[in-house]
């Protein structure tokens, strides 16, 4: 049998920190560049902040004015939670935004018979909002207790690089249906065709400037074939994606700033948004079906006309929350799912910010502050709970800027534009299909970060291959079954007389990262785990469990204002 290669003979040795980033977690670009990047993160965060209320508020009986207030409130609290997390939580450059994990229990509350019987739509909206607020306030205690008691830190000691690979990867892959949602892409052929032509033109321009072989001849069939227009649509960010090592326009800079690398998303969205507005103003969608107009026009969200000029969200603005045990138990499952998804997202963010994996107590501290964030969601009435924004983590890798300051600036934009309603509504009028195309790239990037943890494991081990494959497969197939069943039957597979029990099971198994964690961590800690410590990657992982295990942890995760004196790291 051949001997194992020496470390210096390996072409790509495992590396604690991701290479190729221009700015890591504690280094900062210039103020002008940081403000531009922060605004880009704010624009990206608008997608989820508008999509969730746009779906839920009409179901509750709310009107356009109610929807605008919910969007403003959600953005306002997102800004506060992001600042709290980057200052006192994990201190990683993560945006804390709305979560789809809460959709199942919230929809269950909306369809509660006692609320559905209310005849007045506005009163039903307010009553449903108060019921959701009460459930969020109570269920936030799960993350607060697990986080601040350090119980989640104890649980995280059972995690290994092998067990985390499916969890982190499915944080991205699990959102694959957000990239091409049928309801958002219906019949927006004009925008998609324009994107195809843009890709052709941009590619030719880049190749000409970098003396590469023009690939324009590869694309005419794409732009002419209606069967692949959806594929062209997802490439709008790729048309502007660049790389410091193999970018097409690596010499295109302004004041030493690589514009197309840093602001690819902002430039892409601006061009396509302007074109969508031109199509709207010219009447291109005038006689199209209603769903096409809703998703493709820039004036169908009714955000600008309904938004006040200035409005400051405040706690209990919808009235006193109401509390129901069944609602609270169902919501607790969503809080648990949010905890697991955020754990994977924090691991991904640390890698894309060129930081070490967060020590156990830092991770637990972040979960505690995230619980505080869900409590604020309940007090203010954001209509959903909080989790780490996966798309914004992907943007860290896309721009190669993992600076904490940039995310804090984006939080400032969220708070500022949520107060100035008209201006915030202008940016929030970006059509959803544009965000869907962006997600194709950013979710995939986050998923690949999860796969990068395989470098610390022995993938020549049949045990590891078995665990990884089974966790991936079940993490995709089980939630897929639950989604398909719900679409056809209008209720989840768990359908008993106990509504809270149904919500609990359906919420847990709707989440790909949650299913993956249950399968991967269980198998990893029960299947020859003592004999396979090295194959699991534990010799590399164990030094990051404690704060003092690696000297770099102090640089990345120390609390500001000397607060570590009062909260000493473990």
Protein backbone atom coordinates (compact mmCIF):
# COMPACT_ATOMS: atom_id res chain seq x y z
CA UNK A 1 0.00 0.00 0.00
CA UNK A 2 1.37 3.41 -0.92
CA UNK A 3 2.33 5.70 1.92
CA UNK A 4 0.22 8.77 2.66
CA UNK A 5 1.54 11.91 0.98
CA UNK A 6 3.40 14.40 3.12
CA UNK A 7 1.67 17.72 3.84
CA UNK A 8 4.02 19.59 1.51
CA UNK A 9 3.18 17.15 -1.29
CA UNK A 10 -0.54 17.97 -1.12
CA UNK A 11 -1.47 20.58 -3.72
CA UNK A 12 -4.30 22.03 -1.65
CA UNK A 13 -3.66 21.45 2.07
CA UNK A 14 -6.53 22.10 4.50
CA UNK A 15 -6.68 25.72 5.66
CA UNK A 16 -8.35 27.12 8.79
CA UNK A 17 -9.19 30.41 7.11
CA UNK A 18 -10.52 30.96 3.61
CA UNK A 19 -8.02 32.63 1.34
CA UNK A 20 -8.60 35.25 -1.35
CA UNK A 21 -10.63 37.72 0.72
CA UNK A 22 -9.70 41.38 0.43
CA UNK A 23 -11.06 42.30 3.88
CA UNK A 24 -11.64 39.90 6.76
CA UNK A 25 -13.92 40.31 9.74
CA UNK A 26 -11.87 42.94 11.59
CA UNK A 27 -10.35 44.82 8.63
CA UNK A 28 -12.27 47.57 6.92
CA UNK A 29 -12.41 49.10 3.43
CA UNK A 30 -12.47 52.86 3.01
CA UNK A 31 -15.55 54.64 4.30
CA UNK A 32 -16.88 55.35 0.82
CA UNK A 33 -16.48 51.73 -0.26
CA UNK A 34 -17.91 50.47 3.04
CA UNK A 35 -21.01 52.65 2.67
CA UNK A 36 -21.56 51.38 -0.88
CA UNK A 37 -21.17 47.77 0.21
CA UNK A 38 -23.47 48.34 3.19
CA UNK A 39 -26.15 49.75 0.89
CA UNK A 40 -25.74 46.67 -1.32
CA UNK A 41 -26.40 44.39 1.66
CA UNK A 42 -29.46 46.49 2.52
CA UNK A 43 -30.86 46.11 -1.00
CA UNK A 44 -30.36 42.34 -0.82
CA UNK A 45 -32.09 42.15 2.57
CA UNK A 46 -35.16 43.82 1.05
CA UNK A 47 -36.06 40.62 -0.82
CA UNK A 48 -37.12 38.58 2.20
CA UNK A 49 -38.36 41.65 4.08
CA UNK A 50 -40.92 42.34 1.33
CA UNK A 51 -41.72 38.77 0.20
CA UNK A 52 -42.87 37.46 3.58
CA UNK A 53 -45.33 40.29 4.38
CA UNK A 54 -46.54 40.34 0.75
CA UNK A 55 -47.60 36.70 1.16
CA UNK A 56 -48.90 36.74 4.73
CA UNK A 57 -50.64 40.11 5.15
CA UNK A 58 -53.36 39.48 2.48
CA UNK A 59 -54.11 36.12 4.10
CA UNK A 60 -54.69 37.93 7.37
CA UNK A 61 -57.11 40.41 5.82
CA UNK A 62 -54.67 43.31 5.71
CA UNK A 63 -54.58 45.99 3.01
CA UNK A 64 -51.67 47.67 1.22
CA UNK A 65 -51.20 50.14 4.05
CA UNK A 66 -50.93 47.28 6.57
CA UNK A 67 -48.40 45.54 4.35
CA UNK A 68 -46.23 48.67 4.17
CA UNK A 69 -46.27 49.05 7.95
CA UNK A 70 -45.26 45.41 8.42
CA UNK A 71 -42.40 45.78 5.92
CA UNK A 72 -41.21 48.95 7.67
CA UNK A 73 -41.39 47.27 11.06
CA UNK A 74 -39.56 44.17 9.85
CA UNK A 75 -36.73 46.24 8.36
CA UNK A 76 -36.49 48.40 11.49
CA UNK A 77 -36.18 45.40 13.79
CA UNK A 78 -33.80 43.70 11.34
CA UNK A 79 -31.49 46.69 11.67
CA UNK A 80 -31.63 46.60 15.48
CA UNK A 81 -31.06 42.83 15.62
CA UNK A 82 -28.15 43.03 13.17
CA UNK A 83 -26.45 45.70 15.28
CA UNK A 84 -26.97 43.68 18.48
CA UNK A 85 -25.60 40.51 16.87
CA UNK A 86 -22.51 42.18 15.38
CA UNK A 87 -21.75 44.09 18.60
CA UNK A 88 -22.63 41.67 21.39
CA UNK A 89 -23.57 38.32 19.80
CA UNK A 90 -21.23 36.20 17.72
CA UNK A 91 -19.76 39.46 16.30
CA UNK A 92 -19.71 37.81 12.87
CA UNK A 93 -20.72 39.92 9.82
CA UNK A 94 -24.24 38.50 9.62
CA UNK A 95 -27.52 40.22 8.78
CA UNK A 96 -30.37 39.04 11.02
CA UNK A 97 -33.49 38.99 8.86
CA UNK A 98 -36.91 37.43 8.56
CA UNK A 99 -37.20 33.66 8.41
CA UNK A 100 -39.31 31.35 6.24
CA UNK A 101 -39.07 28.72 8.99
CA UNK A 102 -41.94 30.48 10.79
CA UNK A 103 -44.34 30.22 7.85
CA UNK A 104 -45.99 26.93 8.88
CA UNK A 105 -47.04 27.96 12.42
CA UNK A 106 -47.98 31.48 11.28
CA UNK A 107 -50.24 30.15 8.51
CA UNK A 108 -51.75 27.79 11.08
CA UNK A 109 -52.53 30.78 13.31
CA UNK A 110 -54.02 32.67 10.36
CA UNK A 111 -56.39 29.77 9.68
CA UNK A 112 -57.41 29.39 13.32
CA UNK A 113 -61.24 29.11 13.26
CA UNK A 114 -61.62 31.67 16.06
CA UNK A 115 -59.77 34.25 13.94
CA UNK A 116 -61.30 33.28 10.59
CA UNK A 117 -64.79 33.96 12.02
CA UNK A 118 -64.04 37.67 12.46
CA UNK A 119 -66.08 39.39 9.72
CA UNK A 120 -64.18 42.67 9.49
CA UNK A 121 -60.92 42.23 7.53
CA UNK A 122 -58.94 44.91 9.34
CA UNK A 123 -60.02 43.65 12.75
CA UNK A 124 -59.09 40.11 11.69
CA UNK A 125 -55.68 41.38 10.60
CA UNK A 126 -55.06 43.05 13.95
CA UNK A 127 -56.28 40.04 15.94
CA UNK A 128 -54.10 37.66 13.92
CA UNK A 129 -51.08 39.93 14.29
CA UNK A 130 -51.54 40.02 18.07
CA UNK A 131 -51.83 36.22 18.19
CA UNK A 132 -48.58 35.86 16.21
CA UNK A 133 -46.90 38.40 18.49
CA UNK A 134 -47.87 36.45 21.60
CA UNK A 135 -46.58 33.20 20.13
CA UNK A 136 -43.27 34.81 19.16
CA UNK A 137 -42.80 36.40 22.58
CA UNK A 138 -43.29 33.10 24.42
CA UNK A 139 -41.34 30.92 21.99
CA UNK A 140 -38.33 33.28 21.99
CA UNK A 141 -37.56 31.90 25.45
CA UNK A 142 -36.26 28.72 23.78
CA UNK A 143 -33.28 30.45 22.20
CA UNK A 144 -32.77 32.81 25.13
CA UNK A 145 -32.55 29.93 27.61
CA UNK A 146 -30.45 27.64 25.39
CA UNK A 147 -28.13 30.51 24.50
CA UNK A 148 -27.46 32.29 27.77
CA UNK A 149 -27.42 29.11 29.86
CA UNK A 150 -24.70 27.77 27.53
CA UNK A 151 -26.78 24.65 26.93
CA UNK A 152 -26.35 25.11 23.18
CA UNK A 153 -22.59 25.32 23.73
CA UNK A 154 -22.75 21.91 25.40
CA UNK A 155 -24.83 20.53 22.52
CA UNK A 156 -22.38 21.93 19.97
CA UNK A 157 -19.61 19.76 21.42
CA UNK A 158 -21.26 16.83 19.63
CA UNK A 159 -20.73 18.58 16.28
CA UNK A 160 -17.80 17.68 14.05
CA UNK A 161 -16.71 18.93 10.62
CA UNK A 162 -18.29 15.82 9.11
CA UNK A 163 -21.59 16.41 10.90
CA UNK A 164 -21.66 20.09 9.96
CA UNK A 165 -21.05 19.60 6.23
CA UNK A 166 -24.65 18.58 5.36
CA UNK A 167 -26.09 21.19 7.73
CA UNK A 168 -24.13 24.13 6.30
CA UNK A 169 -24.47 22.96 2.71
CA UNK A 170 -28.24 22.52 3.04
CA UNK A 171 -28.57 26.00 4.53
CA UNK A 172 -27.91 26.98 0.91
CA UNK A 173 -29.15 23.98 -1.10
CA UNK A 174 -32.29 23.72 1.03
CA UNK A 175 -33.47 27.03 -0.42
CA UNK A 176 -33.21 25.85 -4.03
CA UNK A 177 -36.91 26.51 -4.62
CA UNK A 178 -36.33 30.23 -3.98
CA UNK A 179 -34.16 30.48 -7.10
CA UNK A 180 -36.86 29.59 -9.62
CA UNK A 181 -40.22 29.93 -7.84
CA UNK A 182 -42.93 29.46 -10.46
CA UNK A 183 -45.18 32.11 -8.95
CA UNK A 184 -42.48 34.77 -9.42
CA UNK A 185 -41.21 33.81 -12.86
CA UNK A 186 -44.51 33.39 -14.64
CA UNK A 187 -44.41 34.92 -18.12
CA UNK A 188 -41.76 37.59 -17.43
CA UNK A 189 -40.30 36.81 -20.84
CA UNK A 190 -39.30 40.34 -21.69
CA UNK A 191 -37.08 40.71 -18.64
CA UNK A 192 -35.61 37.25 -19.11
CA UNK A 193 -34.85 37.86 -22.77
CA UNK A 194 -33.19 41.15 -21.87
CA UNK A 195 -31.03 39.34 -19.33
CA UNK A 196 -29.99 36.82 -21.95
CA UNK A 197 -28.94 39.60 -24.29
CA UNK A 198 -27.16 41.36 -21.43
CA UNK A 199 -25.17 38.21 -20.69
CA UNK A 200 -24.15 37.98 -24.33
CA UNK A 201 -23.04 41.60 -24.45
CA UNK A 202 -21.27 41.62 -21.09
CA UNK A 203 -19.40 38.45 -21.89
CA UNK A 204 -18.17 39.76 -25.23
CA UNK A 205 -17.08 43.03 -23.65
CA UNK A 206 -15.15 41.28 -20.91
CA UNK A 207 -13.44 38.87 -23.18
CA UNK A 208 -12.45 41.68 -25.52
CA UNK A 209 -10.94 43.72 -22.70
CA UNK A 210 -9.10 40.74 -21.20
CA UNK A 211 -7.98 39.31 -24.58
CA UNK A 212 -9.87 36.11 -23.92
CA UNK A 213 -11.66 34.07 -26.56
CA UNK A 214 -15.08 35.63 -27.21
CA UNK A 215 -17.89 33.29 -26.33
CA UNK A 216 -20.66 35.33 -27.93
CA UNK A 217 -21.06 32.58 -30.53
CA UNK A 218 -22.08 30.18 -27.79
CA UNK A 219 -25.13 32.21 -26.80
CA UNK A 220 -27.36 33.00 -29.80
CA UNK A 221 -29.17 29.70 -29.41
CA UNK A 222 -29.77 30.48 -25.75
CA UNK A 223 -31.32 33.86 -26.38
CA UNK A 224 -33.50 32.52 -29.21
CA UNK A 225 -34.73 29.39 -27.48
CA UNK A 226 -37.77 30.07 -25.26
CA UNK A 227 -37.26 26.78 -23.44
CA UNK A 228 -34.12 28.03 -21.75
CA UNK A 229 -35.08 31.60 -21.01
CA UNK A 230 -35.54 30.70 -17.34
CA UNK A 231 -31.94 29.55 -17.26
CA UNK A 232 -30.78 32.83 -18.75
CA UNK A 233 -32.67 34.70 -16.07
CA UNK A 234 -30.73 33.18 -13.21
CA UNK A 235 -27.46 34.38 -14.68
CA UNK A 236 -27.89 38.10 -14.15
CA UNK A 237 -25.54 38.13 -11.20
CA UNK A 238 -23.13 35.83 -12.99
CA UNK A 239 -22.97 38.43 -15.75
CA UNK A 240 -21.33 40.76 -13.26
CA UNK A 241 -19.54 38.21 -11.09
CA UNK A 242 -15.79 38.60 -11.07
CA UNK A 243 -12.88 37.01 -9.25
CA UNK A 244 -9.56 38.36 -8.11
CA UNK A 245 -7.70 35.45 -9.69
CA UNK A 246 -9.57 34.75 -12.92
CA UNK A 247 -11.87 37.72 -13.47
CA UNK A 248 -12.63 39.01 -16.94
CA UNK A 249 -12.24 42.67 -16.01
CA UNK A 250 -9.58 42.45 -13.34
CA UNK A 251 -8.03 45.71 -14.56
CA UNK A 252 -11.32 47.62 -14.46
CA UNK A 253 -10.84 49.73 -11.32
CA UNK A 254 -11.69 53.18 -10.03
CA UNK A 255 -9.31 54.59 -7.43
CA UNK A 256 -7.93 51.10 -6.85
CA UNK A 257 -11.44 49.73 -6.19
CA UNK A 258 -12.52 46.78 -8.40
CA UNK A 259 -16.00 48.11 -9.17
CA UNK A 260 -17.38 45.04 -10.95
CA UNK A 261 -16.19 42.75 -8.18
CA UNK A 262 -17.45 44.80 -5.25
CA UNK A 263 -20.74 46.07 -6.65
CA UNK A 264 -21.80 43.36 -9.12
CA UNK A 265 -25.14 42.83 -7.40
CA UNK A 266 -25.94 46.53 -7.18
CA UNK A 267 -25.11 47.13 -10.83
CA UNK A 268 -27.09 44.10 -12.00
CA UNK A 269 -30.17 44.96 -9.98
CA UNK A 270 -30.05 48.62 -11.05
CA UNK A 271 -29.91 47.78 -14.75
CA UNK A 272 -32.64 45.12 -14.65
CA UNK A 273 -34.85 47.15 -12.31
CA UNK A 274 -34.61 50.16 -14.64
CA UNK A 275 -35.49 47.97 -17.59
CA UNK A 276 -38.43 46.46 -15.70
CA UNK A 277 -39.65 49.97 -14.90
CA UNK A 278 -39.32 50.93 -18.56
CA UNK A 279 -41.43 47.93 -19.55
CA UNK A 280 -43.99 48.86 -16.91
CA UNK A 281 -44.20 52.50 -18.01
CA UNK A 282 -44.46 51.55 -21.69
CA UNK A 283 -47.43 49.25 -21.05
CA UNK A 284 -45.67 46.01 -21.98
CA UNK A 285 -47.59 44.15 -19.27
CA UNK A 286 -50.89 45.99 -19.70
CA UNK A 287 -52.84 43.06 -21.13
CA UNK A 288 -50.92 40.27 -19.42
CA UNK A 289 -52.47 37.92 -16.82
CA UNK A 290 -52.83 39.28 -13.30
CA UNK A 291 -50.09 37.09 -11.83
CA UNK A 292 -47.66 38.30 -14.50
CA UNK A 293 -48.42 41.93 -13.72
CA UNK A 294 -48.12 41.30 -10.00
CA UNK A 295 -44.66 39.76 -10.24
CA UNK A 296 -43.14 41.66 -13.17
CA UNK A 297 -44.43 45.23 -12.87
CA UNK A 298 -42.62 47.70 -10.61
CA UNK A 299 -45.83 49.39 -9.44
CA UNK A 300 -47.90 46.37 -8.38
CA UNK A 301 -46.61 46.11 -4.82
CA UNK A 302 -48.37 49.42 -4.00
CA UNK A 303 -45.62 50.15 -1.51
CA UNK A 304 -44.75 53.69 -2.62
CA UNK A 305 -48.33 54.97 -2.78
CA UNK A 306 -49.25 53.37 0.57
CA UNK A 307 -46.11 54.28 2.51
CA UNK A 308 -46.09 57.31 4.85
CA UNK A 309 -43.30 59.85 4.52
CA UNK A 310 -42.08 59.31 8.07
CA UNK A 311 -43.14 56.57 10.47
CA UNK A 312 -41.21 55.21 13.45
CA UNK A 313 -42.19 51.65 14.43
CA UNK A 314 -42.66 51.13 18.17
CA UNK A 315 -43.42 48.19 20.49
CA UNK A 316 -47.04 47.04 20.78
CA UNK A 317 -48.07 49.28 17.86
CA UNK A 318 -50.72 46.72 16.85
CA UNK A 319 -52.17 46.45 20.35
CA UNK A 320 -51.64 44.08 23.28
CA UNK A 321 -50.46 40.58 22.20
CA UNK A 322 -52.73 37.62 22.87
CA UNK A 323 -51.46 34.27 24.08
CA UNK A 324 -52.66 30.79 23.16
CA UNK A 325 -50.87 27.63 24.30
CA UNK A 326 -51.38 25.82 20.99
CA UNK A 327 -49.99 28.74 18.99
CA UNK A 328 -46.97 29.02 21.28
CA UNK A 329 -46.06 25.32 21.09
CA UNK A 330 -46.25 25.36 17.31
CA UNK A 331 -44.07 28.46 17.14
CA UNK A 332 -41.45 26.86 19.38
CA UNK A 333 -40.68 24.39 16.60
CA UNK A 334 -39.94 27.28 14.24
CA UNK A 335 -37.64 28.84 16.85
CA UNK A 336 -35.79 25.53 17.14
CA UNK A 337 -35.45 25.31 13.35
CA UNK A 338 -34.19 28.89 13.25
CA UNK A 339 -31.59 27.97 15.89
CA UNK A 340 -30.25 25.07 13.80
CA UNK A 341 -30.25 26.99 10.52
CA UNK A 342 -28.47 29.92 12.18
CA UNK A 343 -25.86 27.59 13.65
CA UNK A 344 -24.96 26.41 10.15
CA UNK A 345 -25.10 29.97 8.84
CA UNK A 346 -22.72 31.23 11.54
CA UNK A 347 -20.21 28.55 10.58
CA UNK A 348 -20.47 29.60 6.93
CA UNK A 349 -20.17 33.30 7.80
CA UNK A 350 -17.03 32.70 9.86
CA UNK A 351 -15.38 31.02 6.89
CA UNK A 352 -16.38 33.70 4.38
CA UNK A 353 -15.19 36.38 6.81
CA UNK A 354 -11.81 34.62 7.10
CA UNK A 355 -12.34 34.04 10.81
CA UNK A 356 -11.92 30.90 12.87
CA UNK A 357 -15.06 28.82 13.58
CA UNK A 358 -16.87 30.46 16.50
CA UNK A 359 -16.04 28.83 19.87
CA UNK A 360 -18.89 27.05 21.62
CA UNK A 361 -19.61 29.84 24.10
CA UNK A 362 -19.53 32.49 21.35
CA UNK A 363 -22.00 30.48 19.27
CA UNK A 364 -24.25 30.07 22.31
CA UNK A 365 -23.98 33.79 23.06
CA UNK A 366 -25.10 34.57 19.53
CA UNK A 367 -28.09 32.25 19.86
CA UNK A 368 -29.06 34.04 23.06
CA UNK A 369 -29.02 37.41 21.32
CA UNK A 370 -30.96 35.92 18.44
CA UNK A 371 -33.60 34.91 20.97
CA UNK A 372 -33.68 38.53 22.12
CA UNK A 373 -34.21 39.42 18.46
CA UNK A 374 -37.24 37.12 18.21
CA UNK A 375 -38.57 38.72 21.40
CA UNK A 376 -38.25 42.12 19.70
CA UNK A 377 -40.03 40.68 16.64
CA UNK A 378 -42.92 39.77 18.91
CA UNK A 379 -43.00 43.12 20.71
CA UNK A 380 -42.85 45.22 17.53
CA UNK A 381 -45.00 42.91 15.40
CA UNK A 382 -42.84 41.98 12.41
CA UNK A 383 -45.11 39.06 11.38
CA UNK A 384 -42.22 36.56 11.47
CA UNK A 385 -39.24 35.53 13.57
CA UNK A 386 -35.54 36.14 12.98
CA UNK A 387 -32.70 34.08 11.63
CA UNK A 388 -29.38 34.69 9.88
CA UNK A 389 -29.88 35.94 6.33
CA UNK A 390 -28.33 33.28 4.06
CA UNK A 391 -28.26 35.51 0.97
CA UNK A 392 -26.24 38.17 2.78
CA UNK A 393 -23.69 35.55 3.81
CA UNK A 394 -23.36 34.60 0.16
CA UNK A 395 -22.75 38.25 -0.67
CA UNK A 396 -19.74 38.25 1.67
CA UNK A 397 -18.13 35.68 -0.60
CA UNK A 398 -19.30 37.34 -3.81
CA UNK A 399 -17.73 40.68 -2.89
CA UNK A 400 -14.81 39.11 -0.99
CA UNK A 401 -15.41 41.59 1.82
CA UNK A 402 -16.16 40.00 5.19
CA UNK A 403 -15.88 43.22 7.18
CA UNK A 404 -18.06 43.59 10.25
CA UNK A 405 -18.29 47.35 9.70
CA UNK A 406 -19.99 46.88 6.32
CA UNK A 407 -22.80 44.87 7.90
CA UNK A 408 -23.23 47.43 10.67
CA UNK A 409 -23.56 50.16 8.04
CA UNK A 410 -26.21 48.07 6.26
CA UNK A 411 -28.09 47.88 9.57
CA UNK A 412 -28.01 51.66 9.67
CA UNK A 413 -29.57 51.78 6.21
CA UNK A 414 -32.32 49.39 7.34
CA UNK A 415 -33.25 51.59 10.29
CA UNK A 416 -32.98 54.85 8.32
CA UNK A 417 -35.08 53.80 5.33
CA UNK A 418 -37.66 52.02 7.49
CA UNK A 419 -38.37 55.38 9.14
CA UNK A 420 -38.40 57.32 5.85
CA UNK A 421 -41.23 55.26 4.38
CA UNK A 422 -41.44 56.68 0.85
CA UNK A 423 -37.73 56.32 0.14
CA UNK A 424 -37.59 52.80 1.57
CA UNK A 425 -40.67 51.82 -0.44
CA UNK A 426 -38.96 53.01 -3.62
CA UNK A 427 -36.14 50.49 -3.17
CA UNK A 428 -38.58 47.82 -2.00
CA UNK A 429 -40.46 48.01 -5.32
CA UNK A 430 -37.81 45.85 -7.03
CA UNK A 431 -39.69 42.93 -8.68
CA UNK A 432 -39.30 39.59 -6.94
CA UNK A 433 -37.92 37.73 -10.01
CA UNK A 434 -34.80 39.88 -9.82
CA UNK A 435 -34.14 38.68 -6.27
CA UNK A 436 -34.86 35.10 -7.35
CA UNK A 437 -32.09 35.31 -9.94
CA UNK A 438 -29.65 36.70 -7.38
CA UNK A 439 -30.46 33.86 -4.97
CA UNK A 440 -29.34 31.29 -7.55
CA UNK A 441 -25.78 32.47 -7.13
CA UNK A 442 -25.65 33.42 -3.46
CA UNK A 443 -27.38 30.33 -2.03
CA UNK A 444 -25.12 28.13 -4.14
CA UNK A 445 -22.06 29.93 -2.79
CA UNK A 446 -23.11 29.34 0.81
CA UNK A 447 -23.73 25.67 0.04
CA UNK A 448 -20.23 25.31 -1.40
CA UNK A 449 -18.80 26.74 1.82
CA UNK A 450 -20.40 23.84 3.64
CA UNK A 451 -18.80 21.39 1.23
CA UNK A 452 -15.41 23.00 1.90
CA UNK A 453 -15.45 21.53 5.43
CA UNK A 454 -14.94 18.11 3.87
CA UNK A 455 -11.25 18.98 3.51
CA UNK A 456 -10.83 18.40 7.25
CA UNK A 457 -12.31 14.89 7.10
CA UNK A 458 -11.19 11.62 5.56
CA UNK A 459 -13.47 11.04 2.59
CA UNK A 460 -11.71 7.77 1.83
CA UNK A 461 -13.61 6.33 4.80
CA UNK A 462 -16.74 4.35 3.96
CA UNK A 463 -18.22 5.47 7.28
CA UNK A 464 -17.88 9.11 6.33
CA UNK A 465 -19.20 8.52 2.83
CA UNK A 466 -22.25 6.77 4.27
CA UNK A 467 -23.03 9.51 6.80
CA UNK A 468 -22.55 12.34 4.31
CA UNK A 469 -24.61 10.72 1.58
CA UNK A 470 -27.51 9.67 3.80
CA UNK A 471 -27.68 13.07 5.55
CA UNK A 472 -27.69 14.91 2.22
CA UNK A 473 -30.29 12.65 0.66
CA UNK A 474 -32.70 12.70 3.60
CA UNK A 475 -32.11 16.42 4.11
CA UNK A 476 -33.40 17.04 0.59
CA UNK A 477 -35.99 14.27 0.14
CA UNK A 478 -37.87 14.50 3.46
CA UNK A 479 -38.61 18.26 3.24
CA UNK A 480 -39.38 17.76 -0.45
CA UNK A 481 -42.00 15.16 0.46
CA UNK A 482 -43.53 17.45 3.08
CA UNK A 483 -43.70 20.37 0.63
CA UNK A 484 -45.24 18.26 -2.14
CA UNK A 485 -47.77 16.68 0.21
CA UNK A 486 -48.79 20.08 1.57
CA UNK A 487 -49.20 21.52 -1.92
CA UNK A 488 -51.59 18.74 -2.92
CA UNK A 489 -53.50 18.18 0.33
CA UNK A 490 -53.44 21.79 1.68
CA UNK A 491 -52.12 20.45 4.97
CA UNK A 492 -48.95 18.74 6.11
CA UNK A 493 -48.43 14.97 6.50
CA UNK A 494 -48.87 15.44 10.25
CA UNK A 495 -52.62 16.05 10.40
CA UNK A 496 -54.14 15.16 13.76
CA UNK A 497 -56.68 16.89 15.96
CA UNK A 498 -53.84 18.46 17.95
CA UNK A 499 -52.95 21.49 15.85
CA UNK A 500 -49.84 22.35 17.89
CA UNK A 501 -48.49 18.83 17.34
CA UNK A 502 -49.09 19.12 13.59
CA UNK A 503 -47.31 22.46 13.45
CA UNK A 504 -44.39 21.10 15.45
CA UNK A 505 -43.72 18.09 13.23
CA UNK A 506 -44.46 19.83 9.94
CA UNK A 507 -42.17 22.74 10.80
CA UNK A 508 -39.28 20.48 11.84
CA UNK A 509 -39.43 18.33 8.72
CA UNK A 510 -39.95 21.24 6.34
CA UNK A 511 -36.37 22.35 7.11
CA UNK A 512 -33.53 20.70 5.19
CA UNK A 513 -30.74 21.79 7.61
CA UNK A 514 -32.75 20.51 10.59
CA UNK A 515 -33.30 17.07 9.06
CA UNK A 516 -29.64 16.95 8.01
CA UNK A 517 -28.45 17.84 11.51
CA UNK A 518 -30.64 15.20 13.15
CA UNK A 519 -29.39 12.49 10.78
CA UNK A 520 -25.73 13.54 10.49
CA UNK A 521 -25.07 14.28 14.16
CA UNK A 522 -26.86 11.13 15.33
CA UNK A 523 -24.95 8.86 12.94
CA UNK A 524 -21.66 10.68 13.51
CA UNK A 525 -21.87 10.22 17.29
CA UNK A 526 -23.12 6.62 17.32
CA UNK A 527 -21.37 4.90 14.43
CA UNK A 528 -17.80 3.95 15.42
CA UNK A 529 -17.27 7.48 16.68
CA UNK A 530 -14.39 6.70 19.08
CA UNK A 531 -12.38 4.84 16.47
CA UNK A 532 -13.08 7.50 13.84
CA UNK A 533 -12.16 10.70 15.68
CA UNK A 534 -9.41 11.52 13.20
CA UNK A 535 -11.55 10.68 10.17
CA UNK A 536 -14.32 12.95 11.48
CA UNK A 537 -11.92 15.91 11.59
CA UNK A 538 -11.93 16.25 15.37
CA UNK A 539 -8.17 16.91 15.80
CA UNK A 540 -8.65 20.10 13.74
CA UNK A 541 -12.05 20.98 15.20
CA UNK A 542 -11.36 20.52 18.91
CA UNK A 543 -9.05 23.52 19.26
CA UNK A 544 -11.89 25.85 18.27
CA UNK A 545 -14.27 24.60 20.95
CA UNK A 546 -12.88 26.91 23.63
CA UNK A 547 -12.06 30.60 23.43
CA UNK A 548 -8.45 30.08 24.47
CA UNK A 549 -7.98 27.10 22.16
CA UNK A 550 -6.73 29.38 19.37
CA UNK A 551 -5.00 32.75 19.80
CA UNK A 552 -6.96 34.24 16.90
CA UNK A 553 -10.29 33.88 18.71
CA UNK A 554 -9.54 36.89 20.89
CA UNK A 555 -9.00 39.02 17.80
CA UNK A 556 -12.28 37.98 16.19
CA UNK A 557 -14.76 37.45 19.03
CA UNK A 558 -13.81 39.68 21.98
CA UNK A 559 -16.71 41.87 23.11
CA UNK A 560 -16.40 45.66 22.70
CA UNK A 561 -16.08 48.19 25.53
CA UNK A 562 -14.14 45.69 27.68
CA UNK A 563 -17.35 43.77 28.39
CA UNK A 564 -15.39 40.52 28.61
CA UNK A 565 -14.51 41.57 32.16
CA UNK A 566 -18.14 41.00 33.13
CA UNK A 567 -18.76 38.06 30.76
CA UNK A 568 -15.48 36.11 30.81
CA UNK A 569 -15.06 33.64 27.92
CA UNK A 570 -15.06 29.96 28.77
